[in-house]
Amino acid sequence: IHPGESIRVFPLSNWTELDIWHYIEQDGIDLPSIYFAHERDVVDRGGM
C-alpha cells in the first residue's frame, strides 16, 4: 500500500453462519444473551 491507503482484512470470508455457530459450540465461546431465545416486547413492522 502507499501512504494513506489501507487494507480491510476478512479472515472469516470462507465461513458460513452455520460454521460460526459450530465453532462457537466446539470452542465453548460465550455470547451476549440476546443471541438466545428470551421474552421481549416487540412490534411487527414490515414483517420484521
All heavy atoms as atom14 arrays in JSON, in Angstrom:
{
  "sequence": "IHPGESIRVFPLSNWTELDIWHYIEQDGIDLPSIYFAHERDVVDRGGM",
  "atom14_mask": [
    [1, 1, 1, 1, 1, 1, 1, 1, 0, 0, 0, 0, 0, 0],
    [1, 1, 1, 1, 1, 1, 1, 1, 1, 1, 0, 0, 0, 0],
    [1, 1, 1, 1, 1, 1, 1, 0, 0, 0, 0, 0, 0, 0],
    [1, 1, 1, 1, 0, 0, 0, 0, 0, 0, 0, 0, 0, 0],
    [1, 1, 1, 1, 1, 1, 1, 1, 1, 0, 0, 0, 0, 0],
    [1, 1, 1, 1, 1, 1, 0, 0, 0, 0, 0, 0, 0, 0],
    [1, 1, 1, 1, 1, 1, 1, 1, 0, 0, 0, 0, 0, 0],
    [1, 1, 1, 1, 1, 1, 1, 1, 1, 1, 1, 0, 0, 0],
    [1, 1, 1, 1, 1, 1, 1, 0, 0, 0, 0, 0, 0, 0],
    [1, 1, 1, 1, 1, 1, 1, 1, 1, 1, 1, 0, 0, 0],
    [1, 1, 1, 1, 1, 1, 1, 0, 0, 0, 0, 0, 0, 0],
    [1, 1, 1, 1, 1, 1, 1, 1, 0, 0, 0, 0, 0, 0],
    [1, 1, 1, 1, 1, 1, 0, 0, 0, 0, 0, 0, 0, 0],
    [1, 1, 1, 1, 1, 1, 1, 1, 0, 0, 0, 0, 0, 0],
    [1, 1, 1, 1, 1, 1, 1, 1, 1, 1, 1, 1, 1, 1],
    [1, 1, 1, 1, 1, 1, 1, 0, 0, 0, 0, 0, 0, 0],
    [1, 1, 1, 1, 1, 1, 1, 1, 1, 0, 0, 0, 0, 0],
    [1, 1, 1, 1, 1, 1, 1, 1, 0, 0, 0, 0, 0, 0],
    [1, 1, 1, 1, 1, 1, 1, 1, 0, 0, 0, 0, 0, 0],
    [1, 1, 1, 1, 1, 1, 1, 1, 0, 0, 0, 0, 0, 0],
    [1, 1, 1, 1, 1, 1, 1, 1, 1, 1, 1, 1, 1, 1],
    [1, 1, 1, 1, 1, 1, 1, 1, 1, 1, 0, 0, 0, 0],
    [1, 1, 1, 1, 1, 1, 1, 1, 1, 1, 1, 1, 0, 0],
    [1, 1, 1, 1, 1, 1, 1, 1, 0, 0, 0, 0, 0, 0],
    [1, 1, 1, 1, 1, 1, 1, 1, 1, 0, 0, 0, 0, 0],
    [1, 1, 1, 1, 1, 1, 1, 1, 1, 0, 0, 0, 0, 0],
    [1, 1, 1, 1, 1, 1, 1, 1, 0, 0, 0, 0, 0, 0],
    [1, 1, 1, 1, 0, 0, 0, 0, 0, 0, 0, 0, 0, 0],
    [1, 1, 1, 1, 1, 1, 1, 1, 0, 0, 0, 0, 0, 0],
    [1, 1, 1, 1, 1, 1, 1, 1, 0, 0, 0, 0, 0, 0],
    [1, 1, 1, 1, 1, 1, 1, 1, 0, 0, 0, 0, 0, 0],
    [1, 1, 1, 1, 1, 1, 1, 0, 0, 0, 0, 0, 0, 0],
    [1, 1, 1, 1, 1, 1, 0, 0, 0, 0, 0, 0, 0, 0],
    [1, 1, 1, 1, 1, 1, 1, 1, 0, 0, 0, 0, 0, 0],
    [1, 1, 1, 1, 1, 1, 1, 1, 1, 1, 1, 1, 0, 0],
    [1, 1, 1, 1, 1, 1, 1, 1, 1, 1, 1, 0, 0, 0],
    [1, 1, 1, 1, 1, 0, 0, 0, 0, 0, 0, 0, 0, 0],
    [1, 1, 1, 1, 1, 1, 1, 1, 1, 1, 0, 0, 0, 0],
    [1, 1, 1, 1, 1, 1, 1, 1, 1, 0, 0, 0, 0, 0],
    [1, 1, 1, 1, 1, 1, 1, 1, 1, 1, 1, 0, 0, 0],
    [1, 1, 1, 1, 1, 1, 1, 1, 0, 0, 0, 0, 0, 0],
    [1, 1, 1, 1, 1, 1, 1, 0, 0, 0, 0, 0, 0, 0],
    [1, 1, 1, 1, 1, 1, 1, 0, 0, 0, 0, 0, 0, 0],
    [1, 1, 1, 1, 1, 1, 1, 1, 0, 0, 0, 0, 0, 0],
    [1, 1, 1, 1, 1, 1, 1, 1, 1, 1, 1, 0, 0, 0],
    [1, 1, 1, 1, 0, 0, 0, 0, 0, 0, 0, 0, 0, 0],
    [1, 1, 1, 1, 0, 0, 0, 0, 0, 0, 0, 0, 0, 0],
    [1, 1, 1, 1, 1, 1, 1, 1, 0, 0, 0, 0, 0, 0]
  ],
  "atom14_positions": [
    [[0.85, -1.19, 0.0], [0.0, 0.0, 0.0], [0.88, 1.24, 0.0], [2.04, 1.2, 0.44], [-0.95, 0.05, 1.22], [-0.15, -0.05, 2.53], [-2.01, -1.03, 1.14], [-1.01, 0.16, 3.77], [0.0, 0.0, 0.0], [0.0, 0.0, 0.0], [0.0, 0.0, 0.0], [0.0, 0.0, 0.0], [0.0, 0.0, 0.0], [0.0, 0.0, 0.0]],
    [[0.33, 2.34, -0.49], [1.0, 3.63, -0.44], [0.49, 4.4, 0.78], [-0.54, 4.05, 1.35], [0.71, 4.42, -1.73], [1.29, 3.78, -2.95], [0.51, 3.16, -3.9], [2.58, 3.64, -3.36], [1.28, 2.68, -4.86], [2.54, 2.95, -4.56], [0.0, 0.0, 0.0], [0.0, 0.0, 0.0], [0.0, 0.0, 0.0], [0.0, 0.0, 0.0]],
    [[1.21, 5.45, 1.19], [0.77, 6.24, 2.34], [-0.68, 6.69, 2.17], [-1.08, 7.19, 1.11], [1.73, 7.43, 2.34], [2.99, 6.89, 1.72], [2.52, 5.93, 0.66], [0.0, 0.0, 0.0], [0.0, 0.0, 0.0], [0.0, 0.0, 0.0], [0.0, 0.0, 0.0], [0.0, 0.0, 0.0], [0.0, 0.0, 0.0], [0.0, 0.0, 0.0]],
    [[-1.47, 6.52, 3.21], [-2.88, 6.91, 3.19], [-3.81, 5.78, 2.8], [-5.02, 5.82, 3.13], [0.0, 0.0, 0.0], [0.0, 0.0, 0.0], [0.0, 0.0, 0.0], [0.0, 0.0, 0.0], [0.0, 0.0, 0.0], [0.0, 0.0, 0.0], [0.0, 0.0, 0.0], [0.0, 0.0, 0.0], [0.0, 0.0, 0.0], [0.0, 0.0, 0.0]],
    [[-3.29, 4.78, 2.09], [-4.12, 3.64, 1.71], [-4.15, 2.62, 2.85], [-3.35, 2.68, 3.78], [-3.57, 3.0, 0.44], [-3.57, 3.92, -0.76], [-2.85, 3.33, -1.96], [-2.06, 2.37, -1.78], [-3.04, 3.85, -3.09], [0.0, 0.0, 0.0], [0.0, 0.0, 0.0], [0.0, 0.0, 0.0], [0.0, 0.0, 0.0], [0.0, 0.0, 0.0]],
    [[-5.09, 1.69, 2.76], [-5.2, 0.67, 3.8], [-5.79, -0.59, 3.21], [-6.25, -0.62, 2.07], [-6.07, 1.17, 4.96], [-7.4, 1.41, 4.53], [0.0, 0.0, 0.0], [0.0, 0.0, 0.0], [0.0, 0.0, 0.0], [0.0, 0.0, 0.0], [0.0, 0.0, 0.0], [0.0, 0.0, 0.0], [0.0, 0.0, 0.0], [0.0, 0.0, 0.0]],
    [[-5.77, -1.64, 4.02], [-6.33, -2.92, 3.64], [-7.35, -3.34, 4.69], [-7.07, -3.29, 5.89], [-5.24, -4.02, 3.52], [-4.22, -3.67, 2.43], [-5.87, -5.38, 3.27], [-4.72, -3.82, 1.01], [0.0, 0.0, 0.0], [0.0, 0.0, 0.0], [0.0, 0.0, 0.0], [0.0, 0.0, 0.0], [0.0, 0.0, 0.0], [0.0, 0.0, 0.0]],
    [[-8.54, -3.71, 4.27], [-9.5, -4.35, 5.16], [-9.3, -5.86, 5.01], [-9.2, -6.36, 3.88], [-10.94, -3.98, 4.79], [-11.19, -2.47, 4.69], [-11.29, -1.81, 6.05], [-11.4, -0.36, 5.91], [-12.54, 0.31, 5.77], [-13.67, -0.37, 5.71], [-12.55, 1.62, 5.69], [0.0, 0.0, 0.0], [0.0, 0.0, 0.0], [0.0, 0.0, 0.0]],
    [[-9.22, -6.55, 6.1], [-8.88, -7.98, 6.08], [-10.02, -8.8, 6.66], [-10.49, -8.51, 7.77], [-7.58, -8.25, 6.88], [-7.18, -9.71, 6.75], [-6.46, -7.34, 6.4], [0.0, 0.0, 0.0], [0.0, 0.0, 0.0], [0.0, 0.0, 0.0], [0.0, 0.0, 0.0], [0.0, 0.0, 0.0], [0.0, 0.0, 0.0], [0.0, 0.0, 0.0]],
    [[-10.46, -9.83, 5.93], [-11.62, -10.62, 6.33], [-11.25, -12.1, 6.45], [-11.49, -12.9, 5.53], [-12.74, -10.43, 5.31], [-13.15, -8.99, 5.15], [-12.85, -8.29, 3.99], [-13.83, -8.34, 6.15], [-13.21, -6.96, 3.84], [-14.2, -7.0, 6.02], [-13.89, -6.32, 4.86], [0.0, 0.0, 0.0], [0.0, 0.0, 0.0], [0.0, 0.0, 0.0]],
    [[-10.69, -12.51, 7.59], [-10.29, -13.91, 7.76], [-11.45, -14.91, 7.76], [-11.23, -16.11, 7.58], [-9.58, -13.91, 9.13], [-9.14, -12.49, 9.32], [-10.23, -11.68, 8.71], [0.0, 0.0, 0.0], [0.0, 0.0, 0.0], [0.0, 0.0, 0.0], [0.0, 0.0, 0.0], [0.0, 0.0, 0.0], [0.0, 0.0, 0.0], [0.0, 0.0, 0.0]],
    [[-12.68, -14.43, 7.98], [-13.84, -15.31, 8.01], [-14.55, -15.38, 6.66], [-15.68, -15.88, 6.58], [-14.84, -14.86, 9.08], [-14.34, -14.74, 10.51], [-15.48, -14.32, 11.43], [-13.72, -16.04, 10.99], [0.0, 0.0, 0.0], [0.0, 0.0, 0.0], [0.0, 0.0, 0.0], [0.0, 0.0, 0.0], [0.0, 0.0, 0.0], [0.0, 0.0, 0.0]],
    [[-13.93, -14.9, 5.61], [-14.58, -14.83, 4.3], [-15.2, -16.15, 3.88], [-16.3, -16.18, 3.3], [-13.58, -14.37, 3.24], [-13.24, -13.02, 3.41], [0.0, 0.0, 0.0], [0.0, 0.0, 0.0], [0.0, 0.0, 0.0], [0.0, 0.0, 0.0], [0.0, 0.0, 0.0], [0.0, 0.0, 0.0], [0.0, 0.0, 0.0], [0.0, 0.0, 0.0]],
    [[-14.52, -17.25, 4.12], [-14.96, -18.55, 3.63], [-15.85, -19.3, 4.63], [-16.23, -20.44, 4.38], [-13.75, -19.42, 3.26], [-12.99, -18.83, 2.08], [-13.58, -18.25, 1.18], [-11.68, -18.96, 2.1], [0.0, 0.0, 0.0], [0.0, 0.0, 0.0], [0.0, 0.0, 0.0], [0.0, 0.0, 0.0], [0.0, 0.0, 0.0], [0.0, 0.0, 0.0]],
    [[-16.17, -18.67, 5.75], [-17.04, -19.28, 6.75], [-18.5, -18.99, 6.4], [-18.81, -18.02, 5.7], [-16.76, -18.73, 8.14], [-15.38, -18.99, 8.69], [-14.19, -18.75, 8.07], [-15.06, -19.49, 9.99], [-13.15, -19.08, 8.9], [-13.64, -19.54, 10.08], [-15.81, -19.9, 11.08], [-12.99, -19.98, 11.23], [-15.17, -20.34, 12.23], [-13.77, -20.38, 12.29]],
    [[-19.4, -19.8, 6.91], [-20.84, -19.55, 6.8], [-21.38, -19.29, 8.2], [-20.7, -19.52, 9.21], [-21.58, -20.74, 6.18], [-21.49, -21.85, 7.09], [-20.99, -21.13, 4.82], [0.0, 0.0, 0.0], [0.0, 0.0, 0.0], [0.0, 0.0, 0.0], [0.0, 0.0, 0.0], [0.0, 0.0, 0.0], [0.0, 0.0, 0.0], [0.0, 0.0, 0.0]],
    [[-22.63, -18.84, 8.26], [-23.26, -18.64, 9.57], [-23.25, -19.94, 10.37], [-23.01, -19.95, 11.58], [-24.69, -18.13, 9.39], [-25.4, -17.85, 10.71], [-26.86, -17.47, 10.53], [-27.39, -17.59, 9.4], [-27.48, -17.06, 11.53], [0.0, 0.0, 0.0], [0.0, 0.0, 0.0], [0.0, 0.0, 0.0], [0.0, 0.0, 0.0], [0.0, 0.0, 0.0]],
    [[-23.51, -21.05, 9.69], [-23.52, -22.34, 10.37], [-22.13, -22.72, 10.88], [-21.99, -23.27, 11.99], [-24.06, -23.42, 9.43], [-24.53, -24.73, 10.06], [-25.59, -24.48, 11.13], [-25.07, -25.67, 8.98], [0.0, 0.0, 0.0], [0.0, 0.0, 0.0], [0.0, 0.0, 0.0], [0.0, 0.0, 0.0], [0.0, 0.0, 0.0], [0.0, 0.0, 0.0]],
    [[-21.09, -22.41, 10.09], [-19.72, -22.66, 10.55], [-19.43, -21.88, 11.83], [-18.8, -22.4, 12.76], [-18.7, -22.24, 9.48], [-18.73, -23.12, 8.24], [-19.05, -24.32, 8.36], [-18.45, -22.59, 7.14], [0.0, 0.0, 0.0], [0.0, 0.0, 0.0], [0.0, 0.0, 0.0], [0.0, 0.0, 0.0], [0.0, 0.0, 0.0], [0.0, 0.0, 0.0]],
    [[-19.87, -20.63, 11.86], [-19.64, -19.78, 13.04], [-20.26, -20.43, 14.28], [-19.63, -20.54, 15.34], [-20.23, -18.37, 12.83], [-19.45, -17.61, 11.75], [-20.26, -17.58, 14.14], [-18.04, -17.22, 12.14], [0.0, 0.0, 0.0], [0.0, 0.0, 0.0], [0.0, 0.0, 0.0], [0.0, 0.0, 0.0], [0.0, 0.0, 0.0], [0.0, 0.0, 0.0]],
    [[-21.5, -20.9, 14.14], [-22.18, -21.5, 15.29], [-21.55, -22.83, 15.69], [-21.46, -23.14, 16.88], [-23.66, -21.65, 15.0], [-24.4, -20.36, 15.22], [-24.87, -19.5, 14.27], [-24.72, -19.78, 16.48], [-25.47, -18.41, 14.86], [-25.39, -18.55, 16.21], [-24.52, -20.15, 17.81], [-25.86, -17.72, 17.22], [-24.99, -19.32, 18.82], [-25.64, -18.12, 18.52]],
    [[-21.12, -23.63, 14.72], [-20.43, -24.88, 15.06], [-19.12, -24.59, 15.81], [-18.76, -25.31, 16.75], [-20.15, -25.69, 13.8], [-21.31, -26.52, 13.33], [-21.91, -27.48, 14.11], [-21.99, -26.53, 12.14], [-22.91, -28.05, 13.45], [-22.97, -27.49, 12.26], [0.0, 0.0, 0.0], [0.0, 0.0, 0.0], [0.0, 0.0, 0.0], [0.0, 0.0, 0.0]],
    [[-18.42, -23.54, 15.39], [-17.17, -23.18, 16.05], [-17.43, -22.68, 17.47], [-16.68, -23.01, 18.4], [-16.43, -22.11, 15.24], [-15.02, -21.86, 15.7], [-13.99, -22.74, 15.38], [-14.71, -20.74, 16.46], [-12.69, -22.52, 15.8], [-13.41, -20.51, 16.89], [-12.41, -21.4, 16.56], [-11.11, -21.18, 16.99], [0.0, 0.0, 0.0], [0.0, 0.0, 0.0]],
    [[-18.48, -21.89, 17.63], [-18.87, -21.41, 18.96], [-19.17, -22.6, 19.88], [-18.75, -22.63, 21.04], [-20.09, -20.48, 18.86], [-19.67, -19.13, 18.25], [-20.74, -20.25, 20.22], [-20.82, -18.26, 17.8], [0.0, 0.0, 0.0], [0.0, 0.0, 0.0], [0.0, 0.0, 0.0], [0.0, 0.0, 0.0], [0.0, 0.0, 0.0], [0.0, 0.0, 0.0]],
    [[-19.88, -23.59, 19.34], [-20.19, -24.79, 20.13], [-18.93, -25.57, 20.46], [-18.7, -25.96, 21.61], [-21.16, -25.67, 19.35], [-21.54, -26.95, 20.1], [-22.44, -27.85, 19.28], [-22.11, -28.12, 18.11], [-23.47, -28.29, 19.82], [0.0, 0.0, 0.0], [0.0, 0.0, 0.0], [0.0, 0.0, 0.0], [0.0, 0.0, 0.0], [0.0, 0.0, 0.0]],
    [[-18.09, -25.78, 19.46], [-16.87, -26.56, 19.65], [-15.94, -25.94, 20.67], [-15.32, -26.62, 21.49], [-16.15, -26.7, 18.31], [-14.77, -27.35, 18.39], [-14.04, -27.31, 17.07], [-14.32, -28.13, 16.19], [-13.12, -26.37, 16.89], [0.0, 0.0, 0.0], [0.0, 0.0, 0.0], [0.0, 0.0, 0.0], [0.0, 0.0, 0.0], [0.0, 0.0, 0.0]],
    [[-15.84, -24.6, 20.63], [-14.88, -23.91, 21.48], [-15.49, -23.43, 22.8], [-14.77, -22.86, 23.63], [-14.3, -22.71, 20.71], [-12.79, -22.73, 20.68], [-12.23, -23.81, 20.46], [-12.17, -21.66, 20.9], [0.0, 0.0, 0.0], [0.0, 0.0, 0.0], [0.0, 0.0, 0.0], [0.0, 0.0, 0.0], [0.0, 0.0, 0.0], [0.0, 0.0, 0.0]],
    [[-16.8, -23.61, 22.97], [-17.45, -23.16, 24.19], [-17.39, -21.66, 24.38], [-17.17, -21.15, 25.49], [0.0, 0.0, 0.0], [0.0, 0.0, 0.0], [0.0, 0.0, 0.0], [0.0, 0.0, 0.0], [0.0, 0.0, 0.0], [0.0, 0.0, 0.0], [0.0, 0.0, 0.0], [0.0, 0.0, 0.0], [0.0, 0.0, 0.0], [0.0, 0.0, 0.0]],
    [[-17.58, -20.91, 23.29], [-17.44, -19.45, 23.33], [-18.71, -18.82, 23.92], [-19.83, -19.14, 23.53], [-17.18, -18.9, 21.92], [-15.86, -19.45, 21.37], [-17.15, -17.37, 21.92], [-15.59, -19.09, 19.93], [0.0, 0.0, 0.0], [0.0, 0.0, 0.0], [0.0, 0.0, 0.0], [0.0, 0.0, 0.0], [0.0, 0.0, 0.0], [0.0, 0.0, 0.0]],
    [[-18.51, -17.92, 24.86], [-19.61, -17.19, 25.49], [-20.11, -16.1, 24.54], [-19.32, -15.49, 23.81], [-19.1, -16.56, 26.79], [-20.2, -15.85, 27.55], [-21.34, -16.33, 27.53], [-19.9, -14.8, 28.17], [0.0, 0.0, 0.0], [0.0, 0.0, 0.0], [0.0, 0.0, 0.0], [0.0, 0.0, 0.0], [0.0, 0.0, 0.0], [0.0, 0.0, 0.0]],
    [[-21.42, -15.85, 24.55], [-22.03, -14.84, 23.68], [-22.96, -13.95, 24.49], [-23.45, -14.35, 25.56], [-22.84, -15.51, 22.57], [-22.13, -16.33, 21.51], [-23.16, -16.94, 20.56], [-21.14, -15.48, 20.74], [0.0, 0.0, 0.0], [0.0, 0.0, 0.0], [0.0, 0.0, 0.0], [0.0, 0.0, 0.0], [0.0, 0.0, 0.0], [0.0, 0.0, 0.0]],
    [[-23.28, -12.75, 23.98], [-24.32, -11.94, 24.61], [-25.65, -12.7, 24.64], [-25.97, -13.45, 23.71], [-24.4, -10.71, 23.7], [-23.07, -10.63, 23.04], [-22.64, -12.05, 22.85], [0.0, 0.0, 0.0], [0.0, 0.0, 0.0], [0.0, 0.0, 0.0], [0.0, 0.0, 0.0], [0.0, 0.0, 0.0], [0.0, 0.0, 0.0], [0.0, 0.0, 0.0]],
    [[-26.42, -12.49, 25.69], [-27.64, -13.27, 25.91], [-28.69, -13.08, 24.82], [-29.55, -13.94, 24.63], [-28.25, -12.92, 27.27], [-28.55, -11.52, 27.33], [0.0, 0.0, 0.0], [0.0, 0.0, 0.0], [0.0, 0.0, 0.0], [0.0, 0.0, 0.0], [0.0, 0.0, 0.0], [0.0, 0.0, 0.0], [0.0, 0.0, 0.0], [0.0, 0.0, 0.0]],
    [[-28.64, -11.97, 24.08], [-29.69, -11.71, 23.08], [-29.63, -12.67, 21.9], [-30.57, -12.74, 21.1], [-29.65, -10.25, 22.56], [-28.34, -9.95, 21.85], [-29.88, -9.27, 23.68], [-28.33, -8.57, 21.19], [0.0, 0.0, 0.0], [0.0, 0.0, 0.0], [0.0, 0.0, 0.0], [0.0, 0.0, 0.0], [0.0, 0.0, 0.0], [0.0, 0.0, 0.0]],
    [[-28.54, -13.45, 21.78], [-28.45, -14.44, 20.71], [-29.32, -15.67, 20.97], [-29.49, -16.5, 20.09], [-27.0, -14.88, 20.51], [-26.23, -13.98, 19.57], [-25.2, -13.17, 20.05], [-26.53, -13.92, 18.22], [-24.49, -12.35, 19.19], [-25.83, -13.1, 17.35], [-24.81, -12.31, 17.85], [-24.12, -11.49, 16.99], [0.0, 0.0, 0.0], [0.0, 0.0, 0.0]],
    [[-29.86, -15.75, 22.19], [-30.66, -16.91, 22.55], [-32.1, -16.49, 22.88], [-32.35, -15.34, 23.24], [-30.02, -17.64, 23.74], [-28.6, -18.06, 23.45], [-27.53, -17.32, 23.93], [-28.35, -19.18, 22.67], [-26.22, -17.7, 23.65], [-27.05, -19.56, 22.38], [-25.98, -18.83, 22.87], [0.0, 0.0, 0.0], [0.0, 0.0, 0.0], [0.0, 0.0, 0.0]],
    [[-33.02, -17.44, 22.76], [-34.45, -17.13, 22.9], [-34.76, -16.55, 24.28], [-34.28, -17.04, 25.31], [-35.26, -18.4, 22.66], [0.0, 0.0, 0.0], [0.0, 0.0, 0.0], [0.0, 0.0, 0.0], [0.0, 0.0, 0.0], [0.0, 0.0, 0.0], [0.0, 0.0, 0.0], [0.0, 0.0, 0.0], [0.0, 0.0, 0.0], [0.0, 0.0, 0.0]],
    [[-35.57, -15.49, 24.28], [-36.0, -14.82, 25.51], [-37.28, -14.05, 25.21], [-37.62, -13.81, 24.06], [-34.9, -13.87, 26.0], [-34.52, -12.82, 24.99], [-33.72, -13.1, 23.9], [-34.84, -11.5, 24.89], [-33.55, -12.0, 23.18], [-34.24, -11.02, 23.75], [0.0, 0.0, 0.0], [0.0, 0.0, 0.0], [0.0, 0.0, 0.0], [0.0, 0.0, 0.0]],
    [[-37.98, -13.66, 26.25], [-39.21, -12.88, 26.09], [-38.87, -11.41, 25.91], [-38.05, -10.86, 26.65], [-40.11, -13.04, 27.33], [-40.51, -14.47, 27.64], [-41.58, -14.99, 26.68], [-42.33, -14.17, 26.14], [-41.64, -16.22, 26.49], [0.0, 0.0, 0.0], [0.0, 0.0, 0.0], [0.0, 0.0, 0.0], [0.0, 0.0, 0.0], [0.0, 0.0, 0.0]],
    [[-39.51, -10.78, 24.9], [-39.24, -9.36, 24.66], [-40.47, -8.7, 24.05], [-41.16, -9.32, 23.24], [-38.03, -9.22, 23.72], [-37.46, -7.79, 23.65], [-36.15, -7.77, 22.86], [-35.04, -8.35, 23.6], [-33.94, -7.69, 23.93], [-33.8, -6.42, 23.63], [-32.96, -8.31, 24.56], [0.0, 0.0, 0.0], [0.0, 0.0, 0.0], [0.0, 0.0, 0.0]],
    [[-40.72, -7.46, 24.41], [-41.8, -6.7, 23.8], [-41.37, -6.23, 22.42], [-40.31, -5.59, 22.28], [-42.18, -5.48, 24.66], [-42.88, -5.86, 25.95], [-43.4, -7.0, 26.02], [-42.91, -5.04, 26.88], [0.0, 0.0, 0.0], [0.0, 0.0, 0.0], [0.0, 0.0, 0.0], [0.0, 0.0, 0.0], [0.0, 0.0, 0.0], [0.0, 0.0, 0.0]],
    [[-42.18, -6.54, 21.41], [-41.82, -6.22, 20.03], [-43.02, -5.66, 19.28], [-44.17, -5.82, 19.71], [-41.29, -7.47, 19.28], [-40.04, -8.01, 19.94], [-42.37, -8.54, 19.19], [0.0, 0.0, 0.0], [0.0, 0.0, 0.0], [0.0, 0.0, 0.0], [0.0, 0.0, 0.0], [0.0, 0.0, 0.0], [0.0, 0.0, 0.0], [0.0, 0.0, 0.0]],
    [[-42.72, -5.01, 18.16], [-43.76, -4.6, 17.21], [-43.41, -5.21, 15.86], [-42.23, -5.35, 15.52], [-43.88, -3.06, 17.08], [-44.4, -2.45, 18.37], [-42.54, -2.43, 16.69], [0.0, 0.0, 0.0], [0.0, 0.0, 0.0], [0.0, 0.0, 0.0], [0.0, 0.0, 0.0], [0.0, 0.0, 0.0], [0.0, 0.0, 0.0], [0.0, 0.0, 0.0]],
    [[-44.44, -5.6, 15.13], [-44.26, -6.16, 13.79], [-44.29, -5.0, 12.81], [-45.31, -4.34, 12.62], [-45.38, -7.16, 13.48], [-45.14, -7.92, 12.18], [-44.54, -7.34, 11.26], [-45.56, -9.08, 12.09], [0.0, 0.0, 0.0], [0.0, 0.0, 0.0], [0.0, 0.0, 0.0], [0.0, 0.0, 0.0], [0.0, 0.0, 0.0], [0.0, 0.0, 0.0]],
    [[-43.13, -4.74, 12.18], [-43.0, -3.62, 11.26], [-42.49, -4.14, 9.92], [-41.32, -4.5, 9.8], [-42.07, -2.56, 11.84], [-41.95, -1.29, 11.04], [-41.19, -0.23, 11.83], [-41.93, 0.17, 13.03], [-41.43, 0.95, 13.99], [-40.18, 1.41, 13.89], [-42.17, 1.27, 15.04], [0.0, 0.0, 0.0], [0.0, 0.0, 0.0], [0.0, 0.0, 0.0]],
    [[-43.39, -4.23, 8.95], [-43.0, -4.73, 7.64], [-42.58, -6.18, 7.68], [-41.7, -6.6, 6.91], [0.0, 0.0, 0.0], [0.0, 0.0, 0.0], [0.0, 0.0, 0.0], [0.0, 0.0, 0.0], [0.0, 0.0, 0.0], [0.0, 0.0, 0.0], [0.0, 0.0, 0.0], [0.0, 0.0, 0.0], [0.0, 0.0, 0.0], [0.0, 0.0, 0.0]],
    [[-43.19, -6.96, 8.57], [-42.85, -8.37, 8.68], [-41.61, -8.65, 9.51], [-41.17, -9.8, 9.6], [0.0, 0.0, 0.0], [0.0, 0.0, 0.0], [0.0, 0.0, 0.0], [0.0, 0.0, 0.0], [0.0, 0.0, 0.0], [0.0, 0.0, 0.0], [0.0, 0.0, 0.0], [0.0, 0.0, 0.0], [0.0, 0.0, 0.0], [0.0, 0.0, 0.0]],
    [[-41.03, -7.62, 10.14], [-39.84, -7.78, 10.98], [-40.19, -7.38, 12.41], [-40.94, -6.42, 12.63], [-38.68, -6.95, 10.45], [-38.3, -7.29, 9.01], [-37.0, -6.24, 8.32], [-35.55, -6.95, 9.09], [0.0, 0.0, 0.0], [0.0, 0.0, 0.0], [0.0, 0.0, 0.0], [0.0, 0.0, 0.0], [0.0, 0.0, 0.0], [0.0, 0.0, 0.0]]
  ]
}
